[in-house]
N, C-alpha and C. Protein backbone atom coordinates (compact mmCIF):
# COMPACT_ATOMS: atom_id res chain seq x y z
N MET A 1 -28.94 -8.15 -18.44
CA MET A 1 -28.33 -9.11 -17.54
C MET A 1 -27.79 -10.29 -18.34
N ARG A 2 -26.62 -10.74 -17.99
CA ARG A 2 -26.02 -11.94 -18.59
C ARG A 2 -25.51 -12.82 -17.46
N GLN A 3 -25.48 -14.12 -17.72
CA GLN A 3 -25.05 -15.04 -16.67
C GLN A 3 -24.22 -16.17 -17.27
N VAL A 4 -23.21 -16.59 -16.50
CA VAL A 4 -22.40 -17.75 -16.85
C VAL A 4 -22.47 -18.71 -15.67
N GLU A 5 -22.79 -19.97 -15.95
CA GLU A 5 -22.84 -21.02 -14.93
C GLU A 5 -22.04 -22.22 -15.41
N VAL A 6 -21.21 -22.74 -14.52
CA VAL A 6 -20.45 -23.95 -14.82
C VAL A 6 -20.54 -24.87 -13.60
N PHE A 7 -20.91 -26.12 -13.84
CA PHE A 7 -21.03 -27.11 -12.77
C PHE A 7 -19.87 -28.10 -12.85
N GLU A 8 -19.51 -28.66 -11.70
CA GLU A 8 -18.49 -29.71 -11.63
C GLU A 8 -18.89 -30.67 -10.53
N GLU A 9 -18.85 -31.97 -10.81
CA GLU A 9 -19.09 -32.97 -9.76
C GLU A 9 -17.74 -33.44 -9.27
N ILE A 10 -17.59 -33.42 -7.94
CA ILE A 10 -16.30 -33.66 -7.31
C ILE A 10 -16.41 -34.84 -6.35
N ASP A 11 -15.48 -35.77 -6.44
CA ASP A 11 -15.46 -36.95 -5.57
C ASP A 11 -14.79 -36.59 -4.25
N ALA A 12 -15.39 -35.64 -3.54
CA ALA A 12 -14.92 -35.21 -2.22
C ALA A 12 -16.11 -34.54 -1.53
N PRO A 13 -16.21 -34.65 -0.21
CA PRO A 13 -17.33 -34.02 0.50
C PRO A 13 -17.21 -32.49 0.49
N PRO A 14 -18.34 -31.80 0.72
CA PRO A 14 -18.34 -30.35 0.68
C PRO A 14 -17.32 -29.67 1.60
N ASP A 15 -17.05 -30.24 2.78
CA ASP A 15 -16.09 -29.58 3.67
C ASP A 15 -14.68 -29.57 3.09
N VAL A 16 -14.32 -30.58 2.34
CA VAL A 16 -12.99 -30.62 1.70
C VAL A 16 -12.94 -29.61 0.56
N VAL A 17 -14.00 -29.55 -0.24
CA VAL A 17 -14.07 -28.59 -1.34
C VAL A 17 -14.05 -27.16 -0.79
N TRP A 18 -14.77 -26.93 0.30
CA TRP A 18 -14.79 -25.61 0.95
C TRP A 18 -13.39 -25.20 1.40
N ASP A 19 -12.68 -26.13 2.01
CA ASP A 19 -11.31 -25.83 2.45
C ASP A 19 -10.43 -25.41 1.28
N VAL A 20 -10.53 -26.12 0.17
CA VAL A 20 -9.75 -25.78 -1.02
C VAL A 20 -10.14 -24.38 -1.51
N LEU A 21 -11.43 -24.11 -1.57
CA LEU A 21 -11.92 -22.84 -2.06
C LEU A 21 -11.43 -21.66 -1.22
N LEU A 22 -11.30 -21.85 0.09
CA LEU A 22 -10.93 -20.75 0.98
C LEU A 22 -9.43 -20.61 1.23
N GLU A 23 -8.63 -21.48 0.66
CA GLU A 23 -7.18 -21.38 0.85
C GLU A 23 -6.61 -20.38 -0.16
N PHE A 24 -6.95 -19.12 0.05
CA PHE A 24 -6.57 -18.07 -0.88
C PHE A 24 -5.07 -17.96 -1.08
N ASP A 25 -4.29 -18.20 -0.02
CA ASP A 25 -2.83 -18.06 -0.12
C ASP A 25 -2.22 -19.00 -1.16
N SER A 26 -2.87 -20.14 -1.39
CA SER A 26 -2.30 -21.11 -2.33
C SER A 26 -2.81 -20.93 -3.76
N TYR A 27 -3.72 -20.01 -4.02
CA TYR A 27 -4.28 -19.84 -5.36
C TYR A 27 -3.21 -19.71 -6.46
N PRO A 28 -2.14 -18.94 -6.24
CA PRO A 28 -1.15 -18.82 -7.32
C PRO A 28 -0.52 -20.16 -7.73
N GLU A 29 -0.52 -21.14 -6.83
CA GLU A 29 0.08 -22.45 -7.11
C GLU A 29 -0.78 -23.30 -8.04
N TRP A 30 -2.10 -23.15 -7.98
CA TRP A 30 -2.96 -24.11 -8.67
C TRP A 30 -4.13 -23.51 -9.45
N ASN A 31 -4.52 -22.28 -9.17
CA ASN A 31 -5.74 -21.74 -9.76
C ASN A 31 -5.43 -21.00 -11.06
N PRO A 32 -5.90 -21.50 -12.19
CA PRO A 32 -5.57 -20.88 -13.48
C PRO A 32 -6.41 -19.64 -13.81
N PHE A 33 -7.46 -19.38 -13.06
CA PHE A 33 -8.36 -18.27 -13.39
C PHE A 33 -8.30 -17.16 -12.33
N VAL A 34 -8.62 -17.48 -11.08
CA VAL A 34 -8.49 -16.50 -9.99
C VAL A 34 -7.09 -16.69 -9.42
N ARG A 35 -6.21 -15.82 -9.81
CA ARG A 35 -4.80 -15.99 -9.46
C ARG A 35 -4.47 -15.55 -8.04
N ARG A 36 -5.30 -14.65 -7.49
CA ARG A 36 -5.01 -14.19 -6.14
C ARG A 36 -6.28 -13.61 -5.51
N ILE A 37 -6.47 -13.94 -4.23
CA ILE A 37 -7.50 -13.29 -3.42
C ILE A 37 -6.84 -12.89 -2.10
N GLU A 38 -7.03 -11.65 -1.73
CA GLU A 38 -6.56 -11.16 -0.44
C GLU A 38 -7.78 -10.68 0.33
N GLY A 39 -7.80 -10.99 1.62
CA GLY A 39 -8.91 -10.57 2.47
C GLY A 39 -9.53 -11.74 3.19
N VAL A 40 -10.58 -11.44 3.93
CA VAL A 40 -11.26 -12.42 4.77
C VAL A 40 -12.63 -12.73 4.17
N PRO A 41 -12.92 -14.01 3.94
CA PRO A 41 -14.21 -14.39 3.35
C PRO A 41 -15.33 -14.33 4.39
N LYS A 42 -15.71 -13.12 4.75
CA LYS A 42 -16.73 -12.90 5.77
C LYS A 42 -17.69 -11.83 5.25
N GLU A 43 -18.97 -12.05 5.45
CA GLU A 43 -19.99 -11.13 4.94
C GLU A 43 -19.67 -9.69 5.34
N GLY A 44 -19.72 -8.80 4.37
CA GLY A 44 -19.45 -7.38 4.60
C GLY A 44 -18.01 -6.97 4.37
N GLU A 45 -17.09 -7.94 4.30
CA GLU A 45 -15.67 -7.64 4.11
C GLU A 45 -15.38 -7.38 2.62
N ARG A 46 -14.35 -6.61 2.37
CA ARG A 46 -13.90 -6.37 0.99
C ARG A 46 -12.71 -7.25 0.70
N LEU A 47 -12.70 -7.82 -0.48
CA LEU A 47 -11.60 -8.65 -0.95
C LEU A 47 -10.84 -7.89 -2.02
N ARG A 48 -9.65 -8.33 -2.29
CA ARG A 48 -8.88 -7.87 -3.45
C ARG A 48 -8.67 -9.12 -4.30
N VAL A 49 -9.25 -9.14 -5.50
CA VAL A 49 -9.28 -10.32 -6.35
C VAL A 49 -8.59 -10.00 -7.68
N ARG A 50 -7.70 -10.90 -8.08
CA ARG A 50 -7.05 -10.76 -9.39
C ARG A 50 -7.41 -11.98 -10.22
N ILE A 51 -8.04 -11.73 -11.36
CA ILE A 51 -8.38 -12.82 -12.27
C ILE A 51 -7.56 -12.67 -13.54
N GLU A 52 -7.34 -13.82 -14.19
CA GLU A 52 -6.65 -13.85 -15.48
C GLU A 52 -7.47 -14.69 -16.44
N PRO A 53 -8.48 -14.06 -17.07
CA PRO A 53 -9.31 -14.81 -18.03
C PRO A 53 -8.46 -15.31 -19.20
N PRO A 54 -8.80 -16.46 -19.77
CA PRO A 54 -8.05 -16.97 -20.92
C PRO A 54 -8.01 -15.96 -22.06
N ASP A 55 -6.84 -15.78 -22.64
CA ASP A 55 -6.66 -14.90 -23.79
C ASP A 55 -7.14 -13.48 -23.54
N SER A 56 -6.95 -13.00 -22.32
CA SER A 56 -7.37 -11.65 -21.97
C SER A 56 -6.40 -11.07 -20.96
N ARG A 57 -6.50 -9.80 -20.73
CA ARG A 57 -5.58 -9.17 -19.77
C ARG A 57 -6.09 -9.39 -18.35
N PRO A 58 -5.16 -9.45 -17.38
CA PRO A 58 -5.55 -9.62 -15.98
C PRO A 58 -6.36 -8.41 -15.48
N ILE A 59 -7.23 -8.68 -14.54
CA ILE A 59 -8.07 -7.65 -13.94
C ILE A 59 -8.01 -7.81 -12.42
N THR A 60 -7.82 -6.71 -11.71
CA THR A 60 -7.88 -6.72 -10.25
C THR A 60 -9.06 -5.84 -9.84
N PHE A 61 -9.87 -6.34 -8.91
CA PHE A 61 -11.03 -5.57 -8.45
C PHE A 61 -11.23 -5.84 -6.96
N ARG A 62 -12.09 -5.03 -6.33
CA ARG A 62 -12.31 -5.10 -4.88
C ARG A 62 -13.79 -5.34 -4.57
N PRO A 63 -14.23 -6.60 -4.66
CA PRO A 63 -15.64 -6.89 -4.37
C PRO A 63 -15.91 -6.95 -2.87
N THR A 64 -17.18 -6.89 -2.54
CA THR A 64 -17.65 -7.04 -1.17
C THR A 64 -18.29 -8.41 -1.01
N VAL A 65 -17.91 -9.14 0.04
CA VAL A 65 -18.49 -10.46 0.31
C VAL A 65 -19.94 -10.25 0.75
N VAL A 66 -20.85 -10.92 0.07
CA VAL A 66 -22.27 -10.81 0.40
C VAL A 66 -22.81 -12.09 1.05
N ALA A 67 -22.06 -13.20 0.97
CA ALA A 67 -22.46 -14.44 1.62
C ALA A 67 -21.23 -15.31 1.85
N ALA A 68 -21.14 -15.88 3.04
CA ALA A 68 -20.09 -16.84 3.36
C ALA A 68 -20.71 -17.86 4.31
N GLU A 69 -21.32 -18.88 3.73
CA GLU A 69 -22.00 -19.93 4.49
C GLU A 69 -21.12 -21.18 4.45
N GLU A 70 -20.51 -21.50 5.57
CA GLU A 70 -19.52 -22.57 5.64
C GLU A 70 -20.01 -23.86 4.96
N ASN A 71 -19.14 -24.39 4.10
CA ASN A 71 -19.38 -25.65 3.37
C ASN A 71 -20.55 -25.57 2.39
N ARG A 72 -21.08 -24.35 2.15
CA ARG A 72 -22.26 -24.24 1.28
C ARG A 72 -22.14 -23.17 0.19
N ARG A 73 -21.69 -21.95 0.57
CA ARG A 73 -21.80 -20.85 -0.39
C ARG A 73 -20.85 -19.71 -0.06
N LEU A 74 -20.19 -19.22 -1.10
CA LEU A 74 -19.37 -18.01 -1.01
C LEU A 74 -19.78 -17.12 -2.18
N ALA A 75 -20.11 -15.87 -1.89
CA ALA A 75 -20.54 -14.96 -2.96
C ALA A 75 -20.03 -13.56 -2.68
N TRP A 76 -19.75 -12.83 -3.79
CA TRP A 76 -19.34 -11.44 -3.65
C TRP A 76 -19.94 -10.62 -4.78
N LEU A 77 -19.97 -9.30 -4.55
CA LEU A 77 -20.45 -8.36 -5.54
C LEU A 77 -19.31 -7.43 -5.90
N GLY A 78 -18.96 -7.41 -7.17
CA GLY A 78 -17.89 -6.55 -7.66
C GLY A 78 -18.44 -5.53 -8.63
N ARG A 79 -17.77 -4.38 -8.67
CA ARG A 79 -18.20 -3.31 -9.57
C ARG A 79 -17.01 -2.76 -10.31
N VAL A 80 -17.23 -2.42 -11.58
CA VAL A 80 -16.24 -1.72 -12.37
C VAL A 80 -16.75 -0.30 -12.54
N LEU A 81 -15.91 0.65 -12.23
CA LEU A 81 -16.26 2.07 -12.32
C LEU A 81 -17.30 2.44 -11.27
N VAL A 82 -18.53 2.66 -11.66
CA VAL A 82 -19.58 3.11 -10.73
C VAL A 82 -20.69 2.06 -10.70
N PRO A 83 -21.53 2.09 -9.65
CA PRO A 83 -22.64 1.13 -9.61
C PRO A 83 -23.48 1.16 -10.88
N PHE A 84 -23.86 -0.01 -11.32
CA PHE A 84 -24.72 -0.24 -12.48
C PHE A 84 -24.06 0.03 -13.83
N ALA A 85 -22.75 0.29 -13.81
CA ALA A 85 -22.03 0.38 -15.09
C ALA A 85 -21.67 -1.04 -15.53
N PHE A 86 -21.07 -1.80 -14.60
CA PHE A 86 -20.72 -3.20 -14.86
C PHE A 86 -20.58 -3.88 -13.51
N ASP A 87 -21.65 -4.49 -13.04
CA ASP A 87 -21.67 -5.18 -11.75
C ASP A 87 -21.63 -6.68 -11.98
N GLY A 88 -20.84 -7.37 -11.15
CA GLY A 88 -20.77 -8.82 -11.23
C GLY A 88 -21.07 -9.45 -9.89
N TYR A 89 -22.08 -10.31 -9.85
CA TYR A 89 -22.40 -11.09 -8.65
C TYR A 89 -21.82 -12.47 -8.87
N HIS A 90 -20.76 -12.80 -8.10
CA HIS A 90 -20.00 -14.03 -8.28
C HIS A 90 -20.35 -14.99 -7.15
N GLU A 91 -20.61 -16.25 -7.49
CA GLU A 91 -21.05 -17.20 -6.48
C GLU A 91 -20.46 -18.59 -6.71
N PHE A 92 -20.05 -19.19 -5.60
CA PHE A 92 -19.68 -20.60 -5.55
C PHE A 92 -20.71 -21.25 -4.63
N ARG A 93 -21.36 -22.30 -5.10
CA ARG A 93 -22.35 -23.01 -4.28
C ARG A 93 -21.97 -24.49 -4.26
N LEU A 94 -21.92 -25.06 -3.05
CA LEU A 94 -21.56 -26.46 -2.86
C LEU A 94 -22.80 -27.22 -2.43
N GLU A 95 -23.11 -28.28 -3.16
CA GLU A 95 -24.27 -29.10 -2.85
C GLU A 95 -23.81 -30.53 -2.61
N PRO A 96 -24.10 -31.09 -1.42
CA PRO A 96 -23.72 -32.49 -1.18
C PRO A 96 -24.55 -33.41 -2.06
N ILE A 97 -23.88 -34.43 -2.63
CA ILE A 97 -24.58 -35.45 -3.41
C ILE A 97 -24.07 -36.82 -2.97
N ASP A 98 -24.80 -37.86 -3.31
CA ASP A 98 -24.43 -39.23 -2.95
C ASP A 98 -24.20 -39.38 -1.45
N GLY A 99 -25.14 -38.88 -0.66
CA GLY A 99 -25.04 -39.02 0.79
C GLY A 99 -24.00 -38.12 1.43
N GLY A 100 -23.51 -37.14 0.70
CA GLY A 100 -22.53 -36.21 1.25
C GLY A 100 -21.09 -36.57 1.00
N ASP A 101 -20.85 -37.71 0.33
CA ASP A 101 -19.48 -38.12 0.01
C ASP A 101 -18.92 -37.37 -1.19
N ARG A 102 -19.82 -36.78 -1.99
CA ARG A 102 -19.43 -36.05 -3.19
C ARG A 102 -20.07 -34.66 -3.16
N THR A 103 -19.60 -33.80 -4.05
CA THR A 103 -20.08 -32.42 -4.09
C THR A 103 -20.37 -32.00 -5.52
N ARG A 104 -21.47 -31.29 -5.69
CA ARG A 104 -21.73 -30.61 -6.95
C ARG A 104 -21.39 -29.14 -6.72
N LEU A 105 -20.41 -28.67 -7.47
CA LEU A 105 -19.96 -27.28 -7.38
C LEU A 105 -20.61 -26.48 -8.49
N LEU A 106 -21.28 -25.41 -8.11
CA LEU A 106 -21.81 -24.45 -9.07
C LEU A 106 -20.94 -23.20 -8.98
N HIS A 107 -20.44 -22.77 -10.09
CA HIS A 107 -19.63 -21.55 -10.20
C HIS A 107 -20.41 -20.64 -11.15
N ARG A 108 -20.89 -19.50 -10.63
CA ARG A 108 -21.80 -18.68 -11.42
C ARG A 108 -21.44 -17.20 -11.25
N GLU A 109 -21.64 -16.45 -12.32
CA GLU A 109 -21.55 -15.00 -12.24
C GLU A 109 -22.69 -14.40 -13.05
N THR A 110 -23.33 -13.41 -12.43
CA THR A 110 -24.41 -12.67 -13.07
C THR A 110 -23.93 -11.24 -13.26
N PHE A 111 -23.98 -10.78 -14.50
CA PHE A 111 -23.50 -9.44 -14.86
C PHE A 111 -24.68 -8.54 -15.17
N ARG A 112 -24.60 -7.30 -14.65
CA ARG A 112 -25.63 -6.30 -14.92
C ARG A 112 -24.94 -4.97 -15.17
N GLY A 113 -25.59 -4.13 -15.95
CA GLY A 113 -25.10 -2.77 -16.12
C GLY A 113 -25.01 -2.35 -17.58
N ALA A 114 -24.85 -1.06 -17.75
CA ALA A 114 -24.83 -0.46 -19.09
C ALA A 114 -23.66 -0.93 -19.93
N LEU A 115 -22.53 -1.28 -19.29
CA LEU A 115 -21.34 -1.67 -20.05
C LEU A 115 -21.26 -3.16 -20.35
N VAL A 116 -22.21 -3.93 -19.85
CA VAL A 116 -22.18 -5.39 -20.06
C VAL A 116 -22.10 -5.74 -21.55
N PRO A 117 -22.88 -5.13 -22.42
CA PRO A 117 -22.77 -5.50 -23.84
C PRO A 117 -21.38 -5.25 -24.43
N LEU A 118 -20.66 -4.30 -23.88
CA LEU A 118 -19.33 -3.97 -24.40
C LEU A 118 -18.22 -4.83 -23.79
N LEU A 119 -18.34 -5.17 -22.50
CA LEU A 119 -17.25 -5.83 -21.78
C LEU A 119 -17.44 -7.33 -21.57
N PHE A 120 -18.63 -7.83 -21.76
CA PHE A 120 -18.95 -9.22 -21.44
C PHE A 120 -18.49 -10.16 -22.56
N ASP A 121 -17.71 -11.18 -22.19
CA ASP A 121 -17.28 -12.20 -23.14
C ASP A 121 -17.55 -13.56 -22.50
N ALA A 122 -18.72 -14.11 -22.76
CA ALA A 122 -19.17 -15.35 -22.12
C ALA A 122 -18.21 -16.51 -22.35
N ARG A 123 -17.67 -16.63 -23.56
CA ARG A 123 -16.80 -17.77 -23.86
C ARG A 123 -15.53 -17.75 -23.00
N ARG A 124 -14.91 -16.61 -22.87
CA ARG A 124 -13.69 -16.51 -22.05
C ARG A 124 -13.99 -16.78 -20.59
N ILE A 125 -15.07 -16.21 -20.11
CA ILE A 125 -15.43 -16.40 -18.70
C ILE A 125 -15.76 -17.87 -18.45
N GLU A 126 -16.52 -18.48 -19.32
CA GLU A 126 -16.86 -19.90 -19.15
C GLU A 126 -15.61 -20.78 -19.17
N ARG A 127 -14.68 -20.49 -20.06
CA ARG A 127 -13.43 -21.25 -20.10
C ARG A 127 -12.65 -21.08 -18.80
N GLY A 128 -12.62 -19.87 -18.27
CA GLY A 128 -11.93 -19.62 -17.01
C GLY A 128 -12.59 -20.35 -15.85
N PHE A 129 -13.92 -20.30 -15.78
CA PHE A 129 -14.65 -21.00 -14.73
C PHE A 129 -14.41 -22.51 -14.82
N THR A 130 -14.47 -23.05 -16.02
CA THR A 130 -14.26 -24.48 -16.22
C THR A 130 -12.86 -24.89 -15.76
N ALA A 131 -11.86 -24.11 -16.12
CA ALA A 131 -10.48 -24.42 -15.69
C ALA A 131 -10.35 -24.37 -14.18
N MET A 132 -10.96 -23.36 -13.56
CA MET A 132 -10.89 -23.26 -12.10
C MET A 132 -11.63 -24.41 -11.43
N ASN A 133 -12.82 -24.74 -11.91
CA ASN A 133 -13.58 -25.85 -11.32
C ASN A 133 -12.80 -27.15 -11.40
N ARG A 134 -12.16 -27.40 -12.53
CA ARG A 134 -11.38 -28.63 -12.67
C ARG A 134 -10.19 -28.63 -11.72
N ALA A 135 -9.58 -27.47 -11.52
CA ALA A 135 -8.45 -27.39 -10.59
C ALA A 135 -8.92 -27.62 -9.15
N ILE A 136 -10.09 -27.09 -8.79
CA ILE A 136 -10.65 -27.35 -7.46
C ILE A 136 -10.93 -28.84 -7.32
N LYS A 137 -11.53 -29.43 -8.34
CA LYS A 137 -11.84 -30.87 -8.33
C LYS A 137 -10.56 -31.69 -8.11
N ASP A 138 -9.53 -31.41 -8.89
CA ASP A 138 -8.27 -32.17 -8.77
C ASP A 138 -7.68 -32.03 -7.37
N ARG A 139 -7.67 -30.82 -6.85
CA ARG A 139 -7.06 -30.57 -5.54
C ARG A 139 -7.86 -31.25 -4.42
N ALA A 140 -9.18 -31.15 -4.46
CA ALA A 140 -10.04 -31.76 -3.43
C ALA A 140 -9.98 -33.29 -3.50
N GLU A 141 -10.06 -33.84 -4.71
CA GLU A 141 -10.02 -35.30 -4.85
C GLU A 141 -8.66 -35.85 -4.43
N ASN A 142 -7.59 -35.14 -4.69
CA ASN A 142 -6.27 -35.57 -4.26
C ASN A 142 -6.20 -35.61 -2.73
N ARG A 143 -6.81 -34.65 -2.06
CA ARG A 143 -6.82 -34.65 -0.59
C ARG A 143 -7.54 -35.86 -0.03
N VAL A 144 -8.64 -36.22 -0.67
CA VAL A 144 -9.40 -37.39 -0.22
C VAL A 144 -8.58 -38.65 -0.43
N ARG A 145 -7.91 -38.76 -1.57
CA ARG A 145 -7.06 -39.94 -1.85
C ARG A 145 -5.93 -40.05 -0.84
N VAL A 146 -5.27 -38.95 -0.56
CA VAL A 146 -4.12 -38.96 0.37
C VAL A 146 -4.58 -39.30 1.78
N ALA A 147 -5.75 -38.77 2.19
CA ALA A 147 -6.27 -39.01 3.53
C ALA A 147 -6.79 -40.44 3.69
N GLY A 148 -7.25 -41.01 2.57
CA GLY A 148 -7.89 -42.33 2.61
C GLY A 148 -6.92 -43.41 2.70
């Protein structure tokens, strides 16, 4: 098992960050890592996700949503090839801080399977997560500034 976790503190409440996270149609405009998501973020639904890790080729996969808790958590399970070859549990967790005016975003993926030692590149994934978290931060904070 391998895991990548990246945190970001955002000067916007969780509901604003959640809205940014779920606006899949706009991902190509601003998201440098997850370039496209198609589908409904509802438990049990399948998504079509295209990622473009830094310095790597794009990958499209079809994970199943395992959690969609409004303003709190979105998670999916993706598989490459067959179960337990290369499974990725991907999670976004939003935690209110400073009385709920700000958000701590956790972006995490846990990888399991026989192919993990061959396919896992922690540095690229961490760079992609960091870029995406910063883009979410910029977009959410801009909404708060414009609304304020």
